[in-house]
Amino acid sequence: MLRITAYVATVGSPNDRNTGDTRMSSNKAVKERIIGREVESRTKARAISPVQRPSDDEVRRRAFEIHVERGGIRGYDLDDWLQAEKELTQKLHR
């Protein structure tokens, strides 16, 4: 557990974020830095992880299968495509 004691940082100390004559409590400055690092590290993790998506051909085949299973009823092209994409994406991420 991180325990932060409350005290006021002086202007010019290496641990504060003060500019000019403004004073900021060290407690607040440390919390802002910790929160900033957490957000930054989560962003990096997302940027590195590859996004896996099914190919258009795979989606096209599955959408046609769904169309046939439905009885060949016209007018549900987009629904079939989205359902096929969803199924195949879930399959990739298991």
N, C-alpha and C. Protein backbone atom coordinates (compact mmCIF):
# COMPACT_ATOMS: atom_id res chain seq x y z
N MET A 1 0.84 -1.18 0.00
CA MET A 1 0.00 0.00 0.00
C MET A 1 0.88 1.23 0.00
N LEU A 2 0.50 2.19 -0.78
CA LEU A 2 1.25 3.43 -0.89
C LEU A 2 0.69 4.44 0.10
N ARG A 3 1.53 4.94 0.99
CA ARG A 3 1.08 5.93 1.95
C ARG A 3 1.75 7.25 1.60
N ILE A 4 0.93 8.24 1.44
CA ILE A 4 1.44 9.56 1.07
C ILE A 4 1.13 10.52 2.20
N THR A 5 2.17 11.15 2.72
CA THR A 5 1.95 12.13 3.79
C THR A 5 1.69 13.49 3.16
N ALA A 6 0.87 14.26 3.81
CA ALA A 6 0.52 15.57 3.28
C ALA A 6 1.52 16.61 3.76
N TYR A 7 2.20 17.22 2.85
CA TYR A 7 3.04 18.38 3.15
C TYR A 7 3.10 19.22 1.90
N VAL A 8 3.52 20.42 2.02
CA VAL A 8 3.54 21.34 0.90
C VAL A 8 4.94 21.37 0.32
N ALA A 9 5.04 21.15 -0.97
CA ALA A 9 6.34 21.19 -1.64
C ALA A 9 6.73 22.64 -1.87
N THR A 10 8.00 22.90 -1.74
CA THR A 10 8.46 24.27 -1.96
C THR A 10 8.73 24.48 -3.43
N VAL A 11 8.65 25.71 -3.86
CA VAL A 11 8.88 26.05 -5.26
C VAL A 11 10.31 25.69 -5.62
N GLY A 12 10.46 24.98 -6.73
CA GLY A 12 11.79 24.64 -7.21
C GLY A 12 12.29 23.29 -6.74
N SER A 13 11.55 22.57 -5.88
CA SER A 13 12.01 21.25 -5.48
C SER A 13 11.77 20.27 -6.61
N PRO A 14 12.56 19.20 -6.72
CA PRO A 14 12.41 18.26 -7.82
C PRO A 14 11.12 17.45 -7.78
N ASN A 15 10.42 17.46 -6.65
CA ASN A 15 9.22 16.63 -6.51
C ASN A 15 7.92 17.39 -6.71
N ASP A 16 7.97 18.64 -7.14
CA ASP A 16 6.72 19.38 -7.29
C ASP A 16 6.47 19.75 -8.74
N ARG A 17 5.29 20.22 -9.01
CA ARG A 17 4.91 20.65 -10.35
C ARG A 17 4.55 22.13 -10.32
N ASN A 18 5.21 22.86 -9.46
CA ASN A 18 4.87 24.27 -9.27
C ASN A 18 5.45 25.13 -10.37
N THR A 19 4.72 26.16 -10.68
CA THR A 19 5.24 27.16 -11.60
C THR A 19 5.04 28.51 -10.95
N GLY A 20 6.04 29.35 -10.99
CA GLY A 20 5.93 30.67 -10.38
C GLY A 20 5.76 30.59 -8.89
N ASP A 21 4.84 31.38 -8.36
CA ASP A 21 4.61 31.42 -6.92
C ASP A 21 3.51 30.47 -6.47
N THR A 22 2.94 29.72 -7.38
CA THR A 22 1.86 28.81 -7.05
C THR A 22 2.39 27.64 -6.25
N ARG A 23 1.63 27.20 -5.26
CA ARG A 23 2.06 26.05 -4.45
C ARG A 23 1.04 24.94 -4.59
N MET A 24 1.53 23.73 -4.73
CA MET A 24 0.66 22.57 -4.86
C MET A 24 1.11 21.56 -3.81
N SER A 25 0.18 20.97 -3.11
CA SER A 25 0.59 20.00 -2.10
C SER A 25 1.26 18.82 -2.78
N SER A 26 2.25 18.28 -2.13
CA SER A 26 3.01 17.16 -2.68
C SER A 26 2.08 15.96 -2.88
N ASN A 27 1.14 15.80 -1.98
CA ASN A 27 0.19 14.70 -2.06
C ASN A 27 -0.54 14.73 -3.40
N LYS A 28 -1.03 15.87 -3.78
CA LYS A 28 -1.77 16.02 -5.03
C LYS A 28 -0.86 15.79 -6.24
N ALA A 29 0.35 16.32 -6.18
CA ALA A 29 1.30 16.16 -7.29
C ALA A 29 1.64 14.69 -7.50
N VAL A 30 1.86 13.96 -6.40
CA VAL A 30 2.20 12.53 -6.50
C VAL A 30 1.03 11.76 -7.07
N LYS A 31 -0.18 12.04 -6.61
CA LYS A 31 -1.36 11.35 -7.14
C LYS A 31 -1.52 11.59 -8.64
N GLU A 32 -1.30 12.83 -9.07
CA GLU A 32 -1.42 13.14 -10.50
C GLU A 32 -0.39 12.35 -11.31
N ARG A 33 0.81 12.24 -10.79
CA ARG A 33 1.84 11.48 -11.50
C ARG A 33 1.48 10.00 -11.58
N ILE A 34 1.00 9.43 -10.47
CA ILE A 34 0.64 8.01 -10.44
C ILE A 34 -0.49 7.75 -11.42
N ILE A 35 -1.52 8.57 -11.39
CA ILE A 35 -2.66 8.39 -12.30
C ILE A 35 -2.20 8.52 -13.74
N GLY A 36 -1.35 9.49 -14.04
CA GLY A 36 -0.83 9.68 -15.39
C GLY A 36 -0.07 8.47 -15.88
N ARG A 37 0.75 7.85 -15.03
CA ARG A 37 1.52 6.67 -15.43
C ARG A 37 0.61 5.49 -15.71
N GLU A 38 -0.43 5.31 -14.89
CA GLU A 38 -1.35 4.19 -15.11
C GLU A 38 -2.05 4.32 -16.45
N VAL A 39 -2.52 5.50 -16.77
CA VAL A 39 -3.20 5.73 -18.04
C VAL A 39 -2.23 5.49 -19.19
N GLU A 40 -1.02 6.00 -19.05
CA GLU A 40 -0.02 5.85 -20.10
C GLU A 40 0.33 4.39 -20.32
N SER A 41 0.49 3.61 -19.24
CA SER A 41 0.87 2.20 -19.40
C SER A 41 -0.27 1.39 -20.03
N ARG A 42 -1.52 1.70 -19.70
CA ARG A 42 -2.63 0.99 -20.32
C ARG A 42 -2.70 1.30 -21.81
N THR A 43 -2.43 2.53 -22.18
CA THR A 43 -2.45 2.92 -23.58
C THR A 43 -1.39 2.17 -24.36
N LYS A 44 -0.19 2.06 -23.83
CA LYS A 44 0.88 1.35 -24.50
C LYS A 44 0.53 -0.12 -24.70
N ALA A 45 -0.10 -0.73 -23.70
CA ALA A 45 -0.46 -2.14 -23.80
C ALA A 45 -1.46 -2.36 -24.93
N ARG A 46 -2.39 -1.45 -25.08
CA ARG A 46 -3.36 -1.59 -26.15
C ARG A 46 -2.72 -1.39 -27.52
N ALA A 47 -1.80 -0.46 -27.60
CA ALA A 47 -1.17 -0.15 -28.87
C ALA A 47 -0.30 -1.31 -29.36
N ILE A 48 0.28 -2.07 -28.45
CA ILE A 48 1.18 -3.16 -28.81
C ILE A 48 0.40 -4.41 -29.21
N SER A 49 -0.72 -4.68 -28.54
CA SER A 49 -1.45 -5.91 -28.81
C SER A 49 -2.06 -5.87 -30.21
N PRO A 50 -1.85 -6.92 -31.00
CA PRO A 50 -2.38 -6.95 -32.36
C PRO A 50 -3.90 -7.18 -32.36
N VAL A 51 -4.57 -6.57 -33.29
CA VAL A 51 -6.01 -6.75 -33.43
C VAL A 51 -6.23 -7.86 -34.44
N GLN A 52 -6.89 -8.91 -34.00
CA GLN A 52 -7.15 -10.03 -34.89
C GLN A 52 -8.58 -9.93 -35.42
N ARG A 53 -8.68 -9.97 -36.73
CA ARG A 53 -9.99 -9.91 -37.37
C ARG A 53 -10.06 -11.00 -38.43
N PRO A 54 -11.24 -11.54 -38.63
CA PRO A 54 -11.38 -12.54 -39.69
C PRO A 54 -11.28 -11.86 -41.06
N SER A 55 -10.84 -12.61 -42.04
CA SER A 55 -10.72 -12.05 -43.39
C SER A 55 -12.11 -11.85 -43.99
N ASP A 56 -12.19 -11.03 -45.01
CA ASP A 56 -13.47 -10.78 -45.67
C ASP A 56 -14.03 -12.06 -46.29
N ASP A 57 -13.15 -12.91 -46.82
CA ASP A 57 -13.61 -14.16 -47.41
C ASP A 57 -14.26 -15.07 -46.37
N GLU A 58 -13.65 -15.15 -45.17
CA GLU A 58 -14.23 -15.97 -44.11
C GLU A 58 -15.59 -15.43 -43.69
N VAL A 59 -15.68 -14.13 -43.56
CA VAL A 59 -16.96 -13.51 -43.17
C VAL A 59 -17.99 -13.72 -44.26
N ARG A 60 -17.59 -13.57 -45.51
CA ARG A 60 -18.51 -13.76 -46.64
C ARG A 60 -19.07 -15.18 -46.65
N ARG A 61 -18.18 -16.17 -46.45
CA ARG A 61 -18.65 -17.57 -46.43
C ARG A 61 -19.63 -17.82 -45.29
N ARG A 62 -19.27 -17.33 -44.07
CA ARG A 62 -20.14 -17.55 -42.92
C ARG A 62 -21.46 -16.81 -43.09
N ALA A 63 -21.43 -15.61 -43.65
CA ALA A 63 -22.67 -14.84 -43.88
C ALA A 63 -23.58 -15.58 -44.84
N PHE A 64 -23.00 -16.20 -45.86
CA PHE A 64 -23.81 -16.98 -46.80
C PHE A 64 -24.42 -18.20 -46.11
N GLU A 65 -23.63 -18.85 -45.24
CA GLU A 65 -24.17 -19.99 -44.48
C GLU A 65 -25.35 -19.56 -43.62
N ILE A 66 -25.22 -18.42 -42.96
CA ILE A 66 -26.32 -17.89 -42.13
C ILE A 66 -27.53 -17.59 -43.01
N HIS A 67 -27.30 -17.03 -44.18
CA HIS A 67 -28.37 -16.73 -45.14
C HIS A 67 -29.12 -18.01 -45.52
N VAL A 68 -28.37 -19.06 -45.80
CA VAL A 68 -28.99 -20.34 -46.18
C VAL A 68 -29.75 -20.93 -45.00
N GLU A 69 -29.15 -20.87 -43.79
CA GLU A 69 -29.82 -21.39 -42.59
C GLU A 69 -31.13 -20.65 -42.32
N ARG A 70 -31.18 -19.39 -42.67
CA ARG A 70 -32.37 -18.57 -42.47
C ARG A 70 -33.46 -18.95 -43.47
N GLY A 71 -33.11 -19.67 -44.49
CA GLY A 71 -34.09 -20.08 -45.49
C GLY A 71 -33.96 -19.28 -46.78
N GLY A 72 -32.87 -18.55 -46.93
CA GLY A 72 -32.65 -17.79 -48.15
C GLY A 72 -33.51 -16.55 -48.27
N ILE A 73 -34.04 -16.08 -47.16
CA ILE A 73 -34.88 -14.89 -47.18
C ILE A 73 -34.02 -13.67 -47.47
N ARG A 74 -34.45 -12.88 -48.45
CA ARG A 74 -33.68 -11.69 -48.84
C ARG A 74 -33.95 -10.53 -47.90
N GLY A 75 -33.00 -9.58 -47.89
CA GLY A 75 -33.18 -8.36 -47.11
C GLY A 75 -32.44 -8.35 -45.78
N TYR A 76 -31.70 -9.40 -45.47
CA TYR A 76 -30.97 -9.47 -44.21
C TYR A 76 -29.46 -9.53 -44.43
N ASP A 77 -29.00 -8.95 -45.54
CA ASP A 77 -27.57 -9.02 -45.89
C ASP A 77 -26.68 -8.47 -44.77
N LEU A 78 -27.00 -7.28 -44.32
CA LEU A 78 -26.17 -6.64 -43.30
C LEU A 78 -26.23 -7.40 -41.98
N ASP A 79 -27.42 -7.85 -41.60
CA ASP A 79 -27.55 -8.64 -40.37
C ASP A 79 -26.70 -9.91 -40.44
N ASP A 80 -26.76 -10.59 -41.58
CA ASP A 80 -25.98 -11.82 -41.75
C ASP A 80 -24.48 -11.52 -41.67
N TRP A 81 -24.05 -10.45 -42.32
CA TRP A 81 -22.62 -10.08 -42.32
C TRP A 81 -22.15 -9.75 -40.90
N LEU A 82 -22.93 -8.95 -40.18
CA LEU A 82 -22.53 -8.56 -38.82
C LEU A 82 -22.51 -9.76 -37.87
N GLN A 83 -23.48 -10.64 -38.02
CA GLN A 83 -23.51 -11.84 -37.18
C GLN A 83 -22.30 -12.72 -37.48
N ALA A 84 -21.97 -12.88 -38.76
CA ALA A 84 -20.82 -13.68 -39.16
C ALA A 84 -19.53 -13.07 -38.61
N GLU A 85 -19.39 -11.76 -38.72
CA GLU A 85 -18.21 -11.08 -38.18
C GLU A 85 -18.08 -11.29 -36.68
N LYS A 86 -19.19 -11.16 -35.98
CA LYS A 86 -19.19 -11.32 -34.53
C LYS A 86 -18.79 -12.74 -34.14
N GLU A 87 -19.38 -13.73 -34.78
CA GLU A 87 -19.06 -15.13 -34.47
C GLU A 87 -17.59 -15.44 -34.71
N LEU A 88 -17.09 -15.02 -35.86
CA LEU A 88 -15.70 -15.32 -36.22
C LEU A 88 -14.70 -14.57 -35.34
N THR A 89 -15.02 -13.35 -34.96
CA THR A 89 -14.15 -12.58 -34.07
C THR A 89 -14.08 -13.22 -32.71
N GLN A 90 -15.22 -13.66 -32.18
CA GLN A 90 -15.25 -14.33 -30.89
C GLN A 90 -14.46 -15.63 -30.96
N LYS A 91 -14.55 -16.33 -32.06
CA LYS A 91 -13.82 -17.58 -32.24
C LYS A 91 -12.30 -17.34 -32.21
N LEU A 92 -11.86 -16.23 -32.82
CA LEU A 92 -10.43 -15.91 -32.83
C LEU A 92 -9.90 -15.55 -31.45
N HIS A 93 -10.72 -14.95 -30.61
CA HIS A 93 -10.26 -14.48 -29.31
C HIS A 93 -10.44 -15.50 -28.19
N ARG A 94 -10.82 -16.68 -28.48
CA ARG A 94 -10.96 -17.71 -27.44
C ARG A 94 -9.66 -18.31 -27.10
